[in-house]
Amino acid sequence: MAEVDPEKFKQADLTVADLKLDSLGLLEMLFEVEDKFGFQIADPMRFLTMSFSEMVADIEASVREHHNGQLPAMDVAQAGG
């Protein structure tokens, strides 16, 4: 997966496009989410036109939807890969 400068994530107006992910890079990132939380994200290309915060909120809502309204506990040591 593409490396993104962590400083970018401090930008309040960060867009998914600012991450310079091509469609394959976006899919790789979302496959990680799907694998971690056990469900498939519908229409992943819709994220290309969102702000980063909108994408995160959308993914969080999907995770909650598939886990009875909860966010499953994450092992921070495993979150990076």
PDB file of N, CA and C in Angstrom:
ATOM      1  N   MET A   1       0.843  -1.180   0.000  1.00  0.00           N
ATOM      2  CA  MET A   1       0.000   0.000   0.000  1.00  0.00           C
ATOM      3  C   MET A   1       0.886   1.240   0.000  1.00  0.00           C
ATOM      4  N   ALA A   2       0.382   2.314  -0.578  1.00  0.00           N
ATOM      5  CA  ALA A   2       1.129   3.561  -0.682  1.00  0.00           C
ATOM      6  C   ALA A   2       1.384   4.145   0.702  1.00  0.00           C
ATOM      7  N   GLU A   3       2.546   4.749   0.847  1.00  0.00           N
ATOM      8  CA  GLU A   3       2.872   5.432   2.094  1.00  0.00           C
ATOM      9  C   GLU A   3       2.330   6.858   2.019  1.00  0.00           C
ATOM     10  N   VAL A   4       1.684   7.283   3.081  1.00  0.00           N
ATOM     11  CA  VAL A   4       1.136   8.640   3.155  1.00  0.00           C
ATOM     12  C   VAL A   4       1.801   9.329   4.332  1.00  0.00           C
ATOM     13  N   ASP A   5       2.257  10.539   4.095  1.00  0.00           N
ATOM     14  CA  ASP A   5       2.882  11.328   5.151  1.00  0.00           C
ATOM     15  C   ASP A   5       1.871  11.536   6.278  1.00  0.00           C
ATOM     16  N   PRO A   6       2.187  11.080   7.493  1.00  0.00           N
ATOM     17  CA  PRO A   6       1.249  11.227   8.619  1.00  0.00           C
ATOM     18  C   PRO A   6       0.822  12.669   8.876  1.00  0.00           C
ATOM     19  N   GLU A   7       1.639  13.643   8.492  1.00  0.00           N
ATOM     20  CA  GLU A   7       1.289  15.053   8.682  1.00  0.00           C
ATOM     21  C   GLU A   7       0.031  15.434   7.902  1.00  0.00           C
ATOM     22  N   LYS A   8      -0.229  14.748   6.781  1.00  0.00           N
ATOM     23  CA  LYS A   8      -1.428  15.048   5.985  1.00  0.00           C
ATOM     24  C   LYS A   8      -2.700  14.894   6.803  1.00  0.00           C
ATOM     25  N   PHE A   9      -2.698  13.941   7.723  1.00  0.00           N
ATOM     26  CA  PHE A   9      -3.907  13.645   8.481  1.00  0.00           C
ATOM     27  C   PHE A   9      -4.247  14.735   9.490  1.00  0.00           C
ATOM     28  N   LYS A  10      -3.376  15.704   9.655  1.00  0.00           N
ATOM     29  CA  LYS A  10      -3.650  16.849  10.530  1.00  0.00           C
ATOM     30  C   LYS A  10      -4.452  17.932   9.811  1.00  0.00           C
ATOM     31  N   GLN A  11      -4.569  17.822   8.489  1.00  0.00           N
ATOM     32  CA  GLN A  11      -5.291  18.812   7.693  1.00  0.00           C
ATOM     33  C   GLN A  11      -6.797  18.618   7.873  1.00  0.00           C
ATOM     34  N   ALA A  12      -7.474  19.644   8.332  1.00  0.00           N
ATOM     35  CA  ALA A  12      -8.920  19.560   8.576  1.00  0.00           C
ATOM     36  C   ALA A  12      -9.705  19.330   7.290  1.00  0.00           C
ATOM     37  N   ASP A  13      -9.205  19.845   6.171  1.00  0.00           N
ATOM     38  CA  ASP A  13      -9.925  19.735   4.915  1.00  0.00           C
ATOM     39  C   ASP A  13      -9.374  18.637   4.001  1.00  0.00           C
ATOM     40  N   LEU A  14      -8.690  17.671   4.569  1.00  0.00           N
ATOM     41  CA  LEU A  14      -8.095  16.569   3.810  1.00  0.00           C
ATOM     42  C   LEU A  14      -9.173  15.807   3.040  1.00  0.00           C
ATOM     43  N   THR A  15      -8.915  15.553   1.781  1.00  0.00           N
ATOM     44  CA  THR A  15      -9.823  14.736   0.974  1.00  0.00           C
ATOM     45  C   THR A  15      -9.160  13.395   0.699  1.00  0.00           C
ATOM     46  N   VAL A  16      -9.964  12.430   0.330  1.00  0.00           N
ATOM     47  CA  VAL A  16      -9.421  11.119  -0.043  1.00  0.00           C
ATOM     48  C   VAL A  16      -8.491  11.297  -1.241  1.00  0.00           C
ATOM     49  N   ALA A  17      -8.854  12.171  -2.166  1.00  0.00           N
ATOM     50  CA  ALA A  17      -8.017  12.427  -3.338  1.00  0.00           C
ATOM     51  C   ALA A  17      -6.635  12.955  -2.944  1.00  0.00           C
ATOM     52  N   ASP A  18      -6.563  13.716  -1.840  1.00  0.00           N
ATOM     53  CA  ASP A  18      -5.278  14.254  -1.358  1.00  0.00           C
ATOM     54  C   ASP A  18      -4.306  13.151  -0.959  1.00  0.00           C
ATOM     55  N   LEU A  19      -4.827  11.965  -0.684  1.00  0.00           N
ATOM     56  CA  LEU A  19      -3.962  10.855  -0.286  1.00  0.00           C
ATOM     57  C   LEU A  19      -3.223  10.250  -1.476  1.00  0.00           C
ATOM     58  N   LYS A  20      -3.610  10.683  -2.671  1.00  0.00           N
ATOM     59  CA  LYS A  20      -2.980  10.247  -3.917  1.00  0.00           C
ATOM     60  C   LYS A  20      -3.053   8.732  -4.094  1.00  0.00           C
ATOM     61  N   LEU A  21      -4.165   8.157  -3.646  1.00  0.00           N
ATOM     62  CA  LEU A  21      -4.387   6.734  -3.848  1.00  0.00           C
ATOM     63  C   LEU A  21      -5.063   6.530  -5.196  1.00  0.00           C
ATOM     64  N   ASP A  22      -4.553   5.594  -5.980  1.00  0.00           N
ATOM     65  CA  ASP A  22      -5.295   5.235  -7.178  1.00  0.00           C
ATOM     66  C   ASP A  22      -6.402   4.282  -6.744  1.00  0.00           C
ATOM     67  N   SER A  23      -7.235   3.849  -7.671  1.00  0.00           N
ATOM     68  CA  SER A  23      -8.357   2.988  -7.291  1.00  0.00           C
ATOM     69  C   SER A  23      -7.867   1.690  -6.656  1.00  0.00           C
ATOM     70  N   LEU A  24      -6.748   1.153  -7.123  1.00  0.00           N
ATOM     71  CA  LEU A  24      -6.209  -0.069  -6.526  1.00  0.00           C
ATOM     72  C   LEU A  24      -5.742   0.188  -5.093  1.00  0.00           C
ATOM     73  N   GLY A  25      -5.087   1.319  -4.876  1.00  0.00           N
ATOM     74  CA  GLY A  25      -4.639   1.669  -3.529  1.00  0.00           C
ATOM     75  C   GLY A  25      -5.803   1.838  -2.569  1.00  0.00           C
ATOM     76  N   LEU A  26      -6.863   2.472  -3.045  1.00  0.00           N
ATOM     77  CA  LEU A  26      -8.058   2.640  -2.222  1.00  0.00           C
ATOM     78  C   LEU A  26      -8.654   1.279  -1.881  1.00  0.00           C
ATOM     79  N   LEU A  27      -8.753   0.409  -2.887  1.00  0.00           N
ATOM     80  CA  LEU A  27      -9.305  -0.926  -2.643  1.00  0.00           C
ATOM     81  C   LEU A  27      -8.447  -1.718  -1.660  1.00  0.00           C
ATOM     82  N   GLU A  28      -7.125  -1.618  -1.771  1.00  0.00           N
ATOM     83  CA  GLU A  28      -6.241  -2.308  -0.828  1.00  0.00           C
ATOM     84  C   GLU A  28      -6.504  -1.841   0.599  1.00  0.00           C
ATOM     85  N   MET A  29      -6.648  -0.525   0.769  1.00  0.00           N
ATOM     86  CA  MET A  29      -6.917   0.018   2.096  1.00  0.00           C
ATOM     87  C   MET A  29      -8.249  -0.508   2.634  1.00  0.00           C
ATOM     88  N   LEU A  30      -9.265  -0.499   1.775  1.00  0.00           N
ATOM     89  CA  LEU A  30     -10.582  -0.955   2.210  1.00  0.00           C
ATOM     90  C   LEU A  30     -10.618  -2.461   2.443  1.00  0.00           C
ATOM     91  N   PHE A  31      -9.820  -3.237   1.699  1.00  0.00           N
ATOM     92  CA  PHE A  31      -9.735  -4.680   1.949  1.00  0.00           C
ATOM     93  C   PHE A  31      -9.221  -4.934   3.360  1.00  0.00           C
ATOM     94  N   GLU A  32      -8.305  -4.090   3.820  1.00  0.00           N
ATOM     95  CA  GLU A  32      -7.792  -4.216   5.195  1.00  0.00           C
ATOM     96  C   GLU A  32      -8.925  -4.026   6.203  1.00  0.00           C
ATOM     97  N   VAL A  33      -9.760  -3.022   5.957  1.00  0.00           N
ATOM     98  CA  VAL A  33     -10.904  -2.761   6.839  1.00  0.00           C
ATOM     99  C   VAL A  33     -11.866  -3.943   6.798  1.00  0.00           C
ATOM    100  N   GLU A  34     -12.162  -4.409   5.588  1.00  0.00           N
ATOM    101  CA  GLU A  34     -13.087  -5.532   5.428  1.00  0.00           C
ATOM    102  C   GLU A  34     -12.569  -6.777   6.134  1.00  0.00           C
ATOM    103  N   ASP A  35     -11.282  -7.043   5.975  1.00  0.00           N
ATOM    104  CA  ASP A  35     -10.674  -8.213   6.606  1.00  0.00           C
ATOM    105  C   ASP A  35     -10.713  -8.094   8.125  1.00  0.00           C
ATOM    106  N   LYS A  36     -10.407  -6.935   8.627  1.00  0.00           N
ATOM    107  CA  LYS A  36     -10.370  -6.705  10.079  1.00  0.00           C
ATOM    108  C   LYS A  36     -11.752  -6.838  10.714  1.00  0.00           C
ATOM    109  N   PHE A  37     -12.788  -6.318  10.028  1.00  0.00           N
ATOM    110  CA  PHE A  37     -14.108  -6.254  10.629  1.00  0.00           C
ATOM    111  C   PHE A  37     -15.115  -7.241  10.056  1.00  0.00           C
ATOM    112  N   GLY A  38     -14.714  -8.023   9.049  1.00  0.00           N
ATOM    113  CA  GLY A  38     -15.516  -9.141   8.587  1.00  0.00           C
ATOM    114  C   GLY A  38     -16.745  -8.826   7.754  1.00  0.00           C
ATOM    115  N   PHE A  39     -16.676  -7.797   6.924  1.00  0.00           N
ATOM    116  CA  PHE A  39     -17.790  -7.519   6.017  1.00  0.00           C
ATOM    117  C   PHE A  39     -17.247  -6.800   4.792  1.00  0.00           C
ATOM    118  N   GLN A  40     -18.038  -6.791   3.732  1.00  0.00           N
ATOM    119  CA  GLN A  40     -17.644  -6.143   2.489  1.00  0.00           C
ATOM    120  C   GLN A  40     -18.254  -4.753   2.407  1.00  0.00           C
ATOM    121  N   ILE A  41     -17.439  -3.784   2.029  1.00  0.00           N
ATOM    122  CA  ILE A  41     -17.882  -2.404   1.880  1.00  0.00           C
ATOM    123  C   ILE A  41     -18.512  -2.242   0.499  1.00  0.00           C
ATOM    124  N   ALA A  42     -19.744  -1.765   0.476  1.00  0.00           N
ATOM    125  CA  ALA A  42     -20.452  -1.556  -0.791  1.00  0.00           C
ATOM    126  C   ALA A  42     -19.921  -0.315  -1.512  1.00  0.00           C
ATOM    127  N   ASP A  43     -19.779  -0.407  -2.807  1.00  0.00           N
ATOM    128  CA  ASP A  43     -19.408   0.712  -3.680  1.00  0.00           C
ATOM    129  C   ASP A  43     -18.214   1.511  -3.154  1.00  0.00           C
ATOM    130  N   PRO A  44     -17.054   0.883  -3.035  1.00  0.00           N
ATOM    131  CA  PRO A  44     -15.896   1.577  -2.455  1.00  0.00           C
ATOM    132  C   PRO A  44     -15.418   2.791  -3.250  1.00  0.00           C
ATOM    133  N   MET A  45     -15.719   2.858  -4.530  1.00  0.00           N
ATOM    134  CA  MET A  45     -15.258   3.992  -5.333  1.00  0.00           C
ATOM    135  C   MET A  45     -15.943   5.300  -4.942  1.00  0.00           C
ATOM    136  N   ARG A  46     -17.037   5.231  -4.199  1.00  0.00           N
ATOM    137  CA  ARG A  46     -17.711   6.461  -3.766  1.00  0.00           C
ATOM    138  C   ARG A  46     -16.822   7.295  -2.845  1.00  0.00           C
ATOM    139  N   PHE A  47     -15.867   6.649  -2.201  1.00  0.00           N
ATOM    140  CA  PHE A  47     -14.985   7.368  -1.282  1.00  0.00           C
ATOM    141  C   PHE A  47     -14.060   8.350  -1.992  1.00  0.00           C
ATOM    142  N   LEU A  48     -13.808   8.126  -3.284  1.00  0.00           N
ATOM    143  CA  LEU A  48     -12.885   8.991  -4.019  1.00  0.00           C
ATOM    144  C   LEU A  48     -13.334  10.443  -4.055  1.00  0.00           C
ATOM    145  N   THR A  49     -14.615  10.698  -3.898  1.00  0.00           N
ATOM    146  CA  THR A  49     -15.124  12.072  -3.959  1.00  0.00           C
ATOM    147  C   THR A  49     -15.427  12.652  -2.577  1.00  0.00           C
ATOM    148  N   MET A  50     -15.102  11.936  -1.532  1.00  0.00           N
ATOM    149  CA  MET A  50     -15.403  12.380  -0.164  1.00  0.00           C
ATOM    150  C   MET A  50     -14.209  13.055   0.486  1.00  0.00           C
ATOM    151  N   SER A  51     -14.504  13.803   1.540  1.00  0.00           N
ATOM    152  CA  SER A  51     -13.417  14.261   2.404  1.00  0.00           C
ATOM    153  C   SER A  51     -12.963  13.048   3.204  1.00  0.00           C
ATOM    154  N   PHE A  52     -11.765  13.124   3.736  1.00  0.00           N
ATOM    155  CA  PHE A  52     -11.253  12.015   4.522  1.00  0.00           C
ATOM    156  C   PHE A  52     -12.142  11.773   5.743  1.00  0.00           C
ATOM    157  N   SER A  53     -12.573  12.841   6.402  1.00  0.00           N
ATOM    158  CA  SER A  53     -13.414  12.683   7.589  1.00  0.00           C
ATOM    159  C   SER A  53     -14.771  12.067   7.236  1.00  0.00           C
ATOM    160  N   GLU A  54     -15.313  12.392   6.058  1.00  0.00           N
ATOM    161  CA  GLU A  54     -16.563  11.759   5.615  1.00  0.00           C
ATOM    162  C   GLU A  54     -16.363  10.260   5.388  1.00  0.00           C
ATOM    163  N   MET A  55     -15.221   9.895   4.792  1.00  0.00           N
ATOM    164  CA  MET A  55     -14.931   8.482   4.554  1.00  0.00           C
ATOM    165  C   MET A  55     -14.816   7.729   5.880  1.00  0.00           C
ATOM    166  N   VAL A  56     -14.105   8.297   6.829  1.00  0.00           N
ATOM    167  CA  VAL A  56     -13.934   7.656   8.130  1.00  0.00           C
ATOM    168  C   VAL A  56     -15.294   7.486   8.812  1.00  0.00           C
ATOM    169  N   ALA A  57     -16.128   8.516   8.771  1.00  0.00           N
ATOM    170  CA  ALA A  57     -17.456   8.435   9.392  1.00  0.00           C
ATOM    171  C   ALA A  57     -18.313   7.372   8.707  1.00  0.00           C
ATOM    172  N   ASP A  58     -18.231   7.293   7.389  1.00  0.00           N
ATOM    173  CA  ASP A  58     -18.994   6.300   6.637  1.00  0.00           C
ATOM    174  C   ASP A  58     -18.537   4.882   6.989  1.00  0.00           C
ATOM    175  N   ILE A  59     -17.230   4.682   7.048  1.00  0.00           N
ATOM    176  CA  ILE A  59     -16.699   3.359   7.399  1.00  0.00           C
ATOM    177  C   ILE A  59     -17.080   3.010   8.830  1.00  0.00           C
ATOM    178  N   GLU A  60     -16.976   3.973   9.757  1.00  0.00           N
ATOM    179  CA  GLU A  60     -17.367   3.719  11.149  1.00  0.00           C
ATOM    180  C   GLU A  60     -18.835   3.311  11.230  1.00  0.00           C
ATOM    181  N   ALA A  61     -19.695   3.999  10.487  1.00  0.00           N
ATOM    182  CA  ALA A  61     -21.121   3.651  10.489  1.00  0.00           C
ATOM    183  C   ALA A  61     -21.335   2.236   9.958  1.00  0.00           C
ATOM    184  N   SER A  62     -20.599   1.854   8.932  1.00  0.00           N
ATOM    185  CA  SER A  62     -20.713   0.500   8.379  1.00  0.00           C
ATOM    186  C   SER A  62     -20.236  -0.552   9.377  1.00  0.00           C
ATOM    187  N   VAL A  63     -19.141  -0.262  10.062  1.00  0.00           N
ATOM    188  CA  VAL A  63     -18.642  -1.194  11.076  1.00  0.00           C
ATOM    189  C   VAL A  63     -19.685  -1.360  12.178  1.00  0.00           C
ATOM    190  N   ARG A  64     -20.219  -0.253  12.656  1.00  0.00           N
ATOM    191  CA  ARG A  64     -21.244  -0.321  13.701  1.00  0.00           C
ATOM    192  C   ARG A  64     -22.467  -1.103  13.220  1.00  0.00           C
ATOM    193  N   GLU A  65     -22.869  -0.868  11.971  1.00  0.00           N
ATOM    194  CA  GLU A  65     -24.028  -1.570  11.412  1.00  0.00           C
ATOM    195  C   GLU A  65     -23.824  -3.085  11.428  1.00  0.00           C
ATOM    196  N   HIS A  66     -22.612  -3.521  11.184  1.00  0.00           N
ATOM    197  CA  HIS A  66     -22.311  -4.952  11.125  1.00  0.00           C
ATOM    198  C   HIS A  66     -21.931  -5.539  12.482  1.00  0.00           C
ATOM    199  N   HIS A  67     -21.871  -4.713  13.522  1.00  0.00           N
ATOM    200  CA  HIS A  67     -21.482  -5.177  14.858  1.00  0.00           C
ATOM    201  C   HIS A  67     -22.450  -4.674  15.918  1.00  0.00           C
ATOM    202  N   ASN A  68     -23.747  -4.734  15.600  1.00  0.00           N
ATOM    203  CA  ASN A  68     -24.804  -4.392  16.559  1.00  0.00           C
ATOM    204  C   ASN A  68     -24.612  -3.026  17.203  1.00  0.00           C
ATOM    205  N   GLY A  69     -24.209  -2.055  16.394  1.00  0.00           N
ATOM    206  CA  GLY A  69     -24.083  -0.688  16.885  1.00  0.00           C
ATOM    207  C   GLY A  69     -22.807  -0.394  17.638  1.00  0.00           C
ATOM    208  N   GLN A  70     -21.935  -1.376  17.750  1.00  0.00           N
ATOM    209  CA  GLN A  70     -20.700  -1.216  18.521  1.00  0.00           C
ATOM    210  C   GLN A  70     -19.485  -1.113  17.603  1.00  0.00           C
ATOM    211  N   LEU A  71     -18.429  -0.508  18.119  1.00  0.00           N
ATOM    212  CA  LEU A  71     -17.125  -0.571  17.472  1.00  0.00           C
ATOM    213  C   LEU A  71     -16.328  -1.654  18.190  1.00  0.00           C
ATOM    214  N   PRO A  72     -15.937  -2.705  17.487  1.00  0.00           N
ATOM    215  CA  PRO A  72     -15.164  -3.761  18.134  1.00  0.00           C
ATOM    216  C   PRO A  72     -13.836  -3.220  18.663  1.00  0.00           C
ATOM    217  N   ALA A  73     -13.368  -3.800  19.740  1.00  0.00           N
ATOM    218  CA  ALA A  73     -12.069  -3.417  20.289  1.00  0.00           C
ATOM    219  C   ALA A  73     -10.987  -3.753  19.271  1.00  0.00           C
ATOM    220  N   MET A  74     -10.010  -2.874  19.172  1.00  0.00           N
ATOM    221  CA  MET A  74      -8.905  -3.102  18.243  1.00  0.00           C
ATOM    222  C   MET A  74      -7.609  -3.242  19.019  1.00  0.00           C
ATOM    223  N   ASP A  75      -6.819  -4.190  18.594  1.00  0.00           N
ATOM    224  CA  ASP A  75      -5.465  -4.335  19.132  1.00  0.00           C
ATOM    225  C   ASP A  75      -4.596  -3.336  18.382  1.00  0.00           C
ATOM    226  N   VAL A  76      -4.175  -2.273  19.037  1.00  0.00           N
ATOM    227  CA  VAL A  76      -3.418  -1.211  18.385  1.00  0.00           C
ATOM    228  C   VAL A  76      -2.133  -1.747  17.768  1.00  0.00           C
ATOM    229  N   ALA A  77      -1.509  -2.738  18.372  1.00  0.00           N
ATOM    230  CA  ALA A  77      -0.297  -3.316  17.829  1.00  0.00           C
ATOM    231  C   ALA A  77      -0.546  -3.966  16.473  1.00  0.00           C
ATOM    232  N   GLN A  78      -1.748  -4.453  16.235  1.00  0.00           N
ATOM    233  CA  GLN A  78      -2.076  -5.103  14.966  1.00  0.00           C
ATOM    234  C   GLN A  78      -2.704  -4.147  13.974  1.00  0.00           C
ATOM    235  N   ALA A  79      -3.106  -2.974  14.388  1.00  0.00           N
ATOM    236  CA  ALA A  79      -3.843  -2.046  13.524  1.00  0.00           C
ATOM    237  C   ALA A  79      -3.016  -1.619  12.316  1.00  0.00           C
ATOM    238  N   GLY A  80      -1.735  -1.564  12.435  1.00  0.00           N
ATOM    239  CA  GLY A  80      -0.892  -1.142  11.313  1.00  0.00           C
ATOM    240  C   GLY A  80      -0.567  -2.242  10.355  1.00  0.00           C
ATOM    241  N   GLY A  81      -0.984  -3.444  10.594  1.00  0.00           N
ATOM    242  CA  GLY A  81      -0.704  -4.477   9.620  1.00  0.00           C
ATOM    243  C   GLY A  81      -0.628  -5.749  10.294  1.00  0.00           C
TER     244      GLY A  81
END
